[in-house]
Amino acid sequence: MVRLGSFPGRSKGFLVEIVSLLTRKISLQVGKTSLLTRKVSLQVGKIVLLIRKTISLTRKISLQVRKTSLLTRKVSLQVGKTSLPTRKVSL
């Protein structure tokens, strides 16, 4: 199960919550960019995101926006073979 939502009380960032027992490596694909969920940069258009892997029971991966002045854009995320629908995300 994969859910995409916004951080409560924050206007910057995403939250991809992955509920899986066998999750070790998670591939995130945005557009034509494919990255692994290690400490890497993810660029969506002109939006630069930072992928951080938080080791916990819920296996949360936070995507935080580095830049401050950004417009609201549509972001499509794909985790493994599970496709997330494109939603409007307030940056």
PDB file of N, CA and C in Angstrom:
ATOM      1  N   MET A   1       0.846  -1.186   0.000  1.00  0.00           N
ATOM      2  CA  MET A   1       0.000   0.000   0.000  1.00  0.00           C
ATOM      3  C   MET A   1       0.885   1.240   0.000  1.00  0.00           C
ATOM      4  N   VAL A   2       0.591   2.138  -0.889  1.00  0.00           N
ATOM      5  CA  VAL A   2       1.375   3.361  -1.000  1.00  0.00           C
ATOM      6  C   VAL A   2       0.424   4.533  -0.972  1.00  0.00           C
ATOM      7  N   ARG A   3       0.737   5.490  -0.125  1.00  0.00           N
ATOM      8  CA  ARG A   3      -0.106   6.669  -0.038  1.00  0.00           C
ATOM      9  C   ARG A   3       0.734   7.917  -0.261  1.00  0.00           C
ATOM     10  N   LEU A   4       0.150   8.880  -0.939  1.00  0.00           N
ATOM     11  CA  LEU A   4       0.820  10.152  -1.178  1.00  0.00           C
ATOM     12  C   LEU A   4      -0.015  11.255  -0.567  1.00  0.00           C
ATOM     13  N   GLY A   5       0.607  12.031   0.289  1.00  0.00           N
ATOM     14  CA  GLY A   5      -0.108  13.124   0.923  1.00  0.00           C
ATOM     15  C   GLY A   5       0.850  14.215   1.326  1.00  0.00           C
ATOM     16  N   SER A   6       0.333  15.226   1.973  1.00  0.00           N
ATOM     17  CA  SER A   6       1.174  16.337   2.387  1.00  0.00           C
ATOM     18  C   SER A   6       1.440  16.240   3.878  1.00  0.00           C
ATOM     19  N   PHE A   7       2.522  16.878   4.303  1.00  0.00           N
ATOM     20  CA  PHE A   7       2.829  16.915   5.722  1.00  0.00           C
ATOM     21  C   PHE A   7       1.785  17.751   6.435  1.00  0.00           C
ATOM     22  N   PRO A   8       1.282  17.272   7.556  1.00  0.00           N
ATOM     23  CA  PRO A   8       0.295  18.071   8.294  1.00  0.00           C
ATOM     24  C   PRO A   8       0.940  19.326   8.866  1.00  0.00           C
ATOM     25  N   GLY A   9       0.343  20.471   8.583  1.00  0.00           N
ATOM     26  CA  GLY A   9       0.844  21.715   9.134  1.00  0.00           C
ATOM     27  C   GLY A   9       2.009  22.307   8.366  1.00  0.00           C
ATOM     28  N   ARG A  10       2.372  21.721   7.250  1.00  0.00           N
ATOM     29  CA  ARG A  10       3.479  22.243   6.456  1.00  0.00           C
ATOM     30  C   ARG A  10       3.020  22.475   5.034  1.00  0.00           C
ATOM     31  N   SER A  11       3.613  23.489   4.404  1.00  0.00           N
ATOM     32  CA  SER A  11       3.259  23.781   3.023  1.00  0.00           C
ATOM     33  C   SER A  11       4.309  23.254   2.060  1.00  0.00           C
ATOM     34  N   LYS A  12       5.459  22.812   2.589  1.00  0.00           N
ATOM     35  CA  LYS A  12       6.530  22.321   1.730  1.00  0.00           C
ATOM     36  C   LYS A  12       6.727  20.834   1.979  1.00  0.00           C
ATOM     37  N   GLY A  13       6.754  20.066   0.919  1.00  0.00           N
ATOM     38  CA  GLY A  13       7.131  18.668   1.071  1.00  0.00           C
ATOM     39  C   GLY A  13       6.009  17.698   0.778  1.00  0.00           C
ATOM     40  N   PHE A  14       6.431  16.449   0.639  1.00  0.00           N
ATOM     41  CA  PHE A  14       5.510  15.349   0.390  1.00  0.00           C
ATOM     42  C   PHE A  14       5.758  14.274   1.436  1.00  0.00           C
ATOM     43  N   LEU A  15       4.909  13.317   1.449  1.00  0.00           N
ATOM     44  CA  LEU A  15       5.130  12.146   2.288  1.00  0.00           C
ATOM     45  C   LEU A  15       4.659  10.916   1.539  1.00  0.00           C
ATOM     46  N   VAL A  16       5.590  10.019   1.294  1.00  0.00           N
ATOM     47  CA  VAL A  16       5.237   8.739   0.688  1.00  0.00           C
ATOM     48  C   VAL A  16       5.364   7.683   1.770  1.00  0.00           C
ATOM     49  N   GLU A  17       4.261   7.141   2.185  1.00  0.00           N
ATOM     50  CA  GLU A  17       4.261   6.151   3.253  1.00  0.00           C
ATOM     51  C   GLU A  17       4.101   4.771   2.631  1.00  0.00           C
ATOM     52  N   ILE A  18       5.067   3.941   2.860  1.00  0.00           N
ATOM     53  CA  ILE A  18       5.077   2.619   2.248  1.00  0.00           C
ATOM     54  C   ILE A  18       4.889   1.556   3.327  1.00  0.00           C
ATOM     55  N   VAL A  19       3.857   0.780   3.188  1.00  0.00           N
ATOM     56  CA  VAL A  19       3.584  -0.290   4.129  1.00  0.00           C
ATOM     57  C   VAL A  19       3.936  -1.607   3.448  1.00  0.00           C
ATOM     58  N   SER A  20       5.093  -2.155   3.791  1.00  0.00           N
ATOM     59  CA  SER A  20       5.548  -3.391   3.178  1.00  0.00           C
ATOM     60  C   SER A  20       6.539  -4.062   4.107  1.00  0.00           C
ATOM     61  N   LEU A  21       6.485  -5.374   4.155  1.00  0.00           N
ATOM     62  CA  LEU A  21       7.404  -6.104   5.018  1.00  0.00           C
ATOM     63  C   LEU A  21       8.704  -6.428   4.315  1.00  0.00           C
ATOM     64  N   LEU A  22       8.669  -6.497   2.985  1.00  0.00           N
ATOM     65  CA  LEU A  22       9.847  -6.905   2.234  1.00  0.00           C
ATOM     66  C   LEU A  22      10.519  -5.742   1.521  1.00  0.00           C
ATOM     67  N   THR A  23      10.207  -4.529   1.948  1.00  0.00           N
ATOM     68  CA  THR A  23      10.767  -3.368   1.269  1.00  0.00           C
ATOM     69  C   THR A  23      12.195  -3.122   1.727  1.00  0.00           C
ATOM     70  N   ARG A  24      13.117  -3.172   0.792  1.00  0.00           N
ATOM     71  CA  ARG A  24      14.498  -2.821   1.077  1.00  0.00           C
ATOM     72  C   ARG A  24      14.929  -1.658   0.213  1.00  0.00           C
ATOM     73  N   LYS A  25      14.784  -1.827  -1.081  1.00  0.00           N
ATOM     74  CA  LYS A  25      15.060  -0.736  -1.999  1.00  0.00           C
ATOM     75  C   LYS A  25      13.771  -0.343  -2.694  1.00  0.00           C
ATOM     76  N   ILE A  26      13.535   0.955  -2.777  1.00  0.00           N
ATOM     77  CA  ILE A  26      12.322   1.455  -3.403  1.00  0.00           C
ATOM     78  C   ILE A  26      12.731   2.369  -4.543  1.00  0.00           C
ATOM     79  N   SER A  27      12.262   2.071  -5.707  1.00  0.00           N
ATOM     80  CA  SER A  27      12.601   2.882  -6.873  1.00  0.00           C
ATOM     81  C   SER A  27      11.540   3.941  -7.091  1.00  0.00           C
ATOM     82  N   LEU A  28      11.975   5.201  -7.111  1.00  0.00           N
ATOM     83  CA  LEU A  28      11.066   6.298  -7.395  1.00  0.00           C
ATOM     84  C   LEU A  28      11.319   6.781  -8.811  1.00  0.00           C
ATOM     85  N   GLN A  29      10.261   6.948  -9.556  1.00  0.00           N
ATOM     86  CA  GLN A  29      10.391   7.414 -10.929  1.00  0.00           C
ATOM     87  C   GLN A  29       9.485   8.617 -11.140  1.00  0.00           C
ATOM     88  N   VAL A  30      10.098   9.725 -11.547  1.00  0.00           N
ATOM     89  CA  VAL A  30       9.323  10.926 -11.855  1.00  0.00           C
ATOM     90  C   VAL A  30       9.658  11.325 -13.277  1.00  0.00           C
ATOM     91  N   GLY A  31       8.676  11.259 -14.142  1.00  0.00           N
ATOM     92  CA  GLY A  31       8.931  11.520 -15.556  1.00  0.00           C
ATOM     93  C   GLY A  31       9.815  10.432 -16.133  1.00  0.00           C
ATOM     94  N   LYS A  32      10.986  10.832 -16.610  1.00  0.00           N
ATOM     95  CA  LYS A  32      11.932   9.867 -17.140  1.00  0.00           C
ATOM     96  C   LYS A  32      13.111   9.673 -16.201  1.00  0.00           C
ATOM     97  N   THR A  33      13.023  10.243 -15.016  1.00  0.00           N
ATOM     98  CA  THR A  33      14.119  10.143 -14.057  1.00  0.00           C
ATOM     99  C   THR A  33      13.852   9.001 -13.091  1.00  0.00           C
ATOM    100  N   SER A  34      14.759   8.038 -13.024  1.00  0.00           N
ATOM    101  CA  SER A  34      14.612   6.901 -12.124  1.00  0.00           C
ATOM    102  C   SER A  34      15.743   6.918 -11.108  1.00  0.00           C
ATOM    103  N   LEU A  35      15.383   6.904  -9.836  1.00  0.00           N
ATOM    104  CA  LEU A  35      16.374   6.993  -8.772  1.00  0.00           C
ATOM    105  C   LEU A  35      16.070   5.969  -7.688  1.00  0.00           C
ATOM    106  N   LEU A  36      17.074   5.645  -6.935  1.00  0.00           N
ATOM    107  CA  LEU A  36      16.877   4.797  -5.763  1.00  0.00           C
ATOM    108  C   LEU A  36      16.698   5.669  -4.536  1.00  0.00           C
ATOM    109  N   THR A  37      16.069   5.115  -3.525  1.00  0.00           N
ATOM    110  CA  THR A  37      15.766   5.911  -2.357  1.00  0.00           C
ATOM    111  C   THR A  37      16.929   5.919  -1.376  1.00  0.00           C
ATOM    112  N   ARG A  38      18.048   6.389  -1.855  1.00  0.00           N
ATOM    113  CA  ARG A  38      19.142   6.694  -0.957  1.00  0.00           C
ATOM    114  C   ARG A  38      19.243   8.206  -0.898  1.00  0.00           C
ATOM    115  N   LYS A  39      20.314   8.723  -0.338  1.00  0.00           N
ATOM    116  CA  LYS A  39      20.401  10.170  -0.181  1.00  0.00           C
ATOM    117  C   LYS A  39      20.801  10.793  -1.509  1.00  0.00           C
ATOM    118  N   VAL A  40      19.813  11.064  -2.344  1.00  0.00           N
ATOM    119  CA  VAL A  40      20.054  11.584  -3.681  1.00  0.00           C
ATOM    120  C   VAL A  40      19.115  12.740  -3.954  1.00  0.00           C
ATOM    121  N   SER A  41      19.389  13.448  -5.012  1.00  0.00           N
ATOM    122  CA  SER A  41      18.535  14.559  -5.418  1.00  0.00           C
ATOM    123  C   SER A  41      17.571  14.101  -6.495  1.00  0.00           C
ATOM    124  N   LEU A  42      16.353  14.587  -6.436  1.00  0.00           N
ATOM    125  CA  LEU A  42      15.333  14.244  -7.410  1.00  0.00           C
ATOM    126  C   LEU A  42      14.803  15.533  -8.015  1.00  0.00           C
ATOM    127  N   GLN A  43      14.902  15.665  -9.310  1.00  0.00           N
ATOM    128  CA  GLN A  43      14.484  16.890  -9.974  1.00  0.00           C
ATOM    129  C   GLN A  43      13.235  16.653 -10.788  1.00  0.00           C
ATOM    130  N   VAL A  44      12.203  17.447 -10.511  1.00  0.00           N
ATOM    131  CA  VAL A  44      10.949  17.381 -11.249  1.00  0.00           C
ATOM    132  C   VAL A  44      10.765  18.731 -11.912  1.00  0.00           C
ATOM    133  N   GLY A  45      11.069  18.795 -13.193  1.00  0.00           N
ATOM    134  CA  GLY A  45      11.022  20.082 -13.878  1.00  0.00           C
ATOM    135  C   GLY A  45      12.073  21.008 -13.294  1.00  0.00           C
ATOM    136  N   LYS A  46      11.643  22.125 -12.729  1.00  0.00           N
ATOM    137  CA  LYS A  46      12.560  23.035 -12.057  1.00  0.00           C
ATOM    138  C   LYS A  46      12.527  22.855 -10.552  1.00  0.00           C
ATOM    139  N   ILE A  47      11.784  21.842 -10.110  1.00  0.00           N
ATOM    140  CA  ILE A  47      11.653  21.592  -8.676  1.00  0.00           C
ATOM    141  C   ILE A  47      12.690  20.565  -8.257  1.00  0.00           C
ATOM    142  N   VAL A  48      13.528  20.925  -7.325  1.00  0.00           N
ATOM    143  CA  VAL A  48      14.551  20.004  -6.826  1.00  0.00           C
ATOM    144  C   VAL A  48      14.113  19.478  -5.470  1.00  0.00           C
ATOM    145  N   LEU A  49      14.004  18.154  -5.389  1.00  0.00           N
ATOM    146  CA  LEU A  49      13.564  17.525  -4.147  1.00  0.00           C
ATOM    147  C   LEU A  49      14.704  16.733  -3.537  1.00  0.00           C
ATOM    148  N   LEU A  50      14.615  16.522  -2.262  1.00  0.00           N
ATOM    149  CA  LEU A  50      15.607  15.724  -1.552  1.00  0.00           C
ATOM    150  C   LEU A  50      14.932  14.490  -0.979  1.00  0.00           C
ATOM    151  N   ILE A  51      15.464  13.315  -1.360  1.00  0.00           N
ATOM    152  CA  ILE A  51      14.904  12.062  -0.862  1.00  0.00           C
ATOM    153  C   ILE A  51      15.678  11.633   0.374  1.00  0.00           C
ATOM    154  N   ARG A  52      14.980  11.452   1.450  1.00  0.00           N
ATOM    155  CA  ARG A  52      15.601  10.948   2.663  1.00  0.00           C
ATOM    156  C   ARG A  52      14.864   9.687   3.091  1.00  0.00           C
ATOM    157  N   LYS A  53      15.635   8.700   3.457  1.00  0.00           N
ATOM    158  CA  LYS A  53      15.024   7.445   3.893  1.00  0.00           C
ATOM    159  C   LYS A  53      15.046   7.390   5.411  1.00  0.00           C
ATOM    160  N   THR A  54      13.877   7.334   5.994  1.00  0.00           N
ATOM    161  CA  THR A  54      13.753   7.260   7.440  1.00  0.00           C
ATOM    162  C   THR A  54      13.435   5.826   7.823  1.00  0.00           C
ATOM    163  N   ILE A  55      14.319   5.226   8.596  1.00  0.00           N
ATOM    164  CA  ILE A  55      14.121   3.833   9.011  1.00  0.00           C
ATOM    165  C   ILE A  55      13.189   3.809  10.212  1.00  0.00           C
ATOM    166  N   SER A  56      12.017   3.259   9.996  1.00  0.00           N
ATOM    167  CA  SER A  56      11.038   3.145  11.071  1.00  0.00           C
ATOM    168  C   SER A  56      10.106   1.985  10.747  1.00  0.00           C
ATOM    169  N   LEU A  57       9.137   1.776  11.597  1.00  0.00           N
ATOM    170  CA  LEU A  57       8.220   0.666  11.355  1.00  0.00           C
ATOM    171  C   LEU A  57       7.301   0.949  10.179  1.00  0.00           C
ATOM    172  N   THR A  58       7.028   2.217   9.934  1.00  0.00           N
ATOM    173  CA  THR A  58       6.142   2.549   8.823  1.00  0.00           C
ATOM    174  C   THR A  58       6.918   2.804   7.544  1.00  0.00           C
ATOM    175  N   ARG A  59       8.228   2.816   7.615  1.00  0.00           N
ATOM    176  CA  ARG A  59       9.078   3.002   6.439  1.00  0.00           C
ATOM    177  C   ARG A  59       8.666   4.247   5.667  1.00  0.00           C
ATOM    178  N   LYS A  60       8.926   5.400   6.279  1.00  0.00           N
ATOM    179  CA  LYS A  60       8.516   6.652   5.666  1.00  0.00           C
ATOM    180  C   LYS A  60       9.667   7.247   4.863  1.00  0.00           C
ATOM    181  N   ILE A  61       9.345   7.815   3.747  1.00  0.00           N
ATOM    182  CA  ILE A  61      10.328   8.512   2.919  1.00  0.00           C
ATOM    183  C   ILE A  61       9.832   9.936   2.730  1.00  0.00           C
ATOM    184  N   SER A  62      10.587  10.885   3.248  1.00  0.00           N
ATOM    185  CA  SER A  62      10.165  12.268   3.136  1.00  0.00           C
ATOM    186  C   SER A  62      10.849  12.932   1.953  1.00  0.00           C
ATOM    187  N   LEU A  63      10.056  13.688   1.192  1.00  0.00           N
ATOM    188  CA  LEU A  63      10.574  14.445   0.071  1.00  0.00           C
ATOM    189  C   LEU A  63      10.444  15.919   0.417  1.00  0.00           C
ATOM    190  N   GLN A  64      11.562  16.568   0.628  1.00  0.00           N
ATOM    191  CA  GLN A  64      11.526  17.959   1.046  1.00  0.00           C
ATOM    192  C   GLN A  64      12.056  18.864  -0.044  1.00  0.00           C
ATOM    193  N   VAL A  65      11.381  19.973  -0.244  1.00  0.00           N
ATOM    194  CA  VAL A  65      11.756  20.909  -1.287  1.00  0.00           C
ATOM    195  C   VAL A  65      12.880  21.794  -0.780  1.00  0.00           C
ATOM    196  N   ARG A  66      13.950  21.906  -1.558  1.00  0.00           N
ATOM    197  CA  ARG A  66      15.069  22.733  -1.159  1.00  0.00           C
ATOM    198  C   ARG A  66      14.789  24.212  -1.385  1.00  0.00           C
ATOM    199  N   LYS A  67      14.211  24.517  -2.541  1.00  0.00           N
ATOM    200  CA  LYS A  67      13.933  25.911  -2.846  1.00  0.00           C
ATOM    201  C   LYS A  67      12.660  26.365  -2.146  1.00  0.00           C
ATOM    202  N   THR A  68      12.535  27.670  -1.957  1.00  0.00           N
ATOM    203  CA  THR A  68      11.419  28.183  -1.183  1.00  0.00           C
ATOM    204  C   THR A  68      10.307  28.755  -2.061  1.00  0.00           C
ATOM    205  N   SER A  69      10.655  29.533  -3.071  1.00  0.00           N
ATOM    206  CA  SER A  69       9.645  30.182  -3.901  1.00  0.00           C
ATOM    207  C   SER A  69       9.317  29.312  -5.110  1.00  0.00           C
ATOM    208  N   LEU A  70       8.330  28.466  -4.964  1.00  0.00           N
ATOM    209  CA  LEU A  70       7.917  27.570  -6.044  1.00  0.00           C
ATOM    210  C   LEU A  70       6.408  27.653  -6.226  1.00  0.00           C
ATOM    211  N   LEU A  71       5.990  27.433  -7.471  1.00  0.00           N
ATOM    212  CA  LEU A  71       4.563  27.400  -7.755  1.00  0.00           C
ATOM    213  C   LEU A  71       4.017  26.006  -7.532  1.00  0.00           C
ATOM    214  N   THR A  72       2.703  25.915  -7.393  1.00  0.00           N
ATOM    215  CA  THR A  72       2.068  24.611  -7.227  1.00  0.00           C
ATOM    216  C   THR A  72       2.103  23.862  -8.556  1.00  0.00           C
ATOM    217  N   ARG A  73       2.669  22.668  -8.537  1.00  0.00           N
ATOM    218  CA  ARG A  73       2.806  21.877  -9.749  1.00  0.00           C
ATOM    219  C   ARG A  73       2.212  20.488  -9.519  1.00  0.00           C
ATOM    220  N   LYS A  74       1.958  19.793 -10.612  1.00  0.00           N
ATOM    221  CA  LYS A  74       1.484  18.430 -10.510  1.00  0.00           C
ATOM    222  C   LYS A  74       2.681  17.492 -10.540  1.00  0.00           C
ATOM    223  N   VAL A  75       2.735  16.572  -9.586  1.00  0.00           N
ATOM    224  CA  VAL A  75       3.853  15.646  -9.470  1.00  0.00           C
ATOM    225  C   VAL A  75       3.322  14.223  -9.519  1.00  0.00           C
ATOM    226  N   SER A  76       3.895  13.409 -10.392  1.00  0.00           N
ATOM    227  CA  SER A  76       3.502  12.015 -10.513  1.00  0.00           C
ATOM    228  C   SER A  76       4.617  11.137  -9.987  1.00  0.00           C
ATOM    229  N   LEU A  77       4.294  10.273  -9.048  1.00  0.00           N
ATOM    230  CA  LEU A  77       5.277   9.383  -8.457  1.00  0.00           C
ATOM    231  C   LEU A  77       4.943   7.943  -8.791  1.00  0.00           C
ATOM    232  N   GLN A  78       5.979   7.154  -9.037  1.00  0.00           N
ATOM    233  CA  GLN A  78       5.802   5.729  -9.265  1.00  0.00           C
ATOM    234  C   GLN A  78       6.750   4.969  -8.358  1.00  0.00           C
ATOM    235  N   VAL A  79       6.201   4.117  -7.496  1.00  0.00           N
ATOM    236  CA  VAL A  79       7.006   3.344  -6.557  1.00  0.00           C
ATOM    237  C   VAL A  79       6.922   1.880  -6.955  1.00  0.00           C
ATOM    238  N   GLY A  80       8.039   1.362  -7.451  1.00  0.00           N
ATOM    239  CA  GLY A  80       8.041  -0.016  -7.915  1.00  0.00           C
ATOM    240  C   GLY A  80       7.085  -0.177  -9.079  1.00  0.00           C
ATOM    241  N   LYS A  81       6.163  -1.117  -8.954  1.00  0.00           N
ATOM    242  CA  LYS A  81       5.161  -1.309  -9.994  1.00  0.00           C
ATOM    243  C   LYS A  81       3.836  -0.665  -9.628  1.00  0.00           C
ATOM    244  N   THR A  82       3.807  -0.030  -8.464  1.00  0.00           N
ATOM    245  CA  THR A  82       2.585   0.634  -8.023  1.00  0.00           C
ATOM    246  C   THR A  82       2.607   2.076  -8.494  1.00  0.00           C
ATOM    247  N   SER A  83       1.617   2.451  -9.259  1.00  0.00           N
ATOM    248  CA  SER A  83       1.563   3.788  -9.825  1.00  0.00           C
ATOM    249  C   SER A  83       0.695   4.678  -8.958  1.00  0.00           C
ATOM    250  N   LEU A  84       1.228   5.851  -8.620  1.00  0.00           N
ATOM    251  CA  LEU A  84       0.475   6.815  -7.847  1.00  0.00           C
ATOM    252  C   LEU A  84      -0.173   7.813  -8.790  1.00  0.00           C
ATOM    253  N   PRO A  85      -1.412   8.178  -8.543  1.00  0.00           N
ATOM    254  CA  PRO A  85      -2.070   9.157  -9.413  1.00  0.00           C
ATOM    255  C   PRO A  85      -1.465  10.545  -9.220  1.00  0.00           C
ATOM    256  N   THR A  86      -1.493  11.310 -10.293  1.00  0.00           N
ATOM    257  CA  THR A  86      -0.964  12.665 -10.227  1.00  0.00           C
ATOM    258  C   THR A  86      -1.910  13.553  -9.439  1.00  0.00           C
ATOM    259  N   ARG A  87      -1.367  14.217  -8.430  1.00  0.00           N
ATOM    260  CA  ARG A  87      -2.183  15.105  -7.617  1.00  0.00           C
ATOM    261  C   ARG A  87      -1.528  16.471  -7.543  1.00  0.00           C
ATOM    262  N   LYS A  88      -2.327  17.467  -7.235  1.00  0.00           N
ATOM    263  CA  LYS A  88      -1.763  18.785  -7.034  1.00  0.00           C
ATOM    264  C   LYS A  88      -1.105  18.842  -5.663  1.00  0.00           C
ATOM    265  N   VAL A  89       0.141  19.255  -5.652  1.00  0.00           N
ATOM    266  CA  VAL A  89       0.881  19.315  -4.392  1.00  0.00           C
ATOM    267  C   VAL A  89       1.296  20.745  -4.147  1.00  0.00           C
ATOM    268  N   SER A  90       0.939  21.273  -2.981  1.00  0.00           N
ATOM    269  CA  SER A  90       1.301  22.639  -2.644  1.00  0.00           C
ATOM    270  C   SER A  90       2.732  22.685  -2.158  1.00  0.00           C
ATOM    271  N   LEU A  91       3.571  23.401  -2.902  1.00  0.00           N
ATOM    272  CA  LEU A  91       4.976  23.508  -2.526  1.00  0.00           C
ATOM    273  C   LEU A  91       5.186  24.817  -1.810  1.00  0.00           C
TER     274      LEU A  91
END
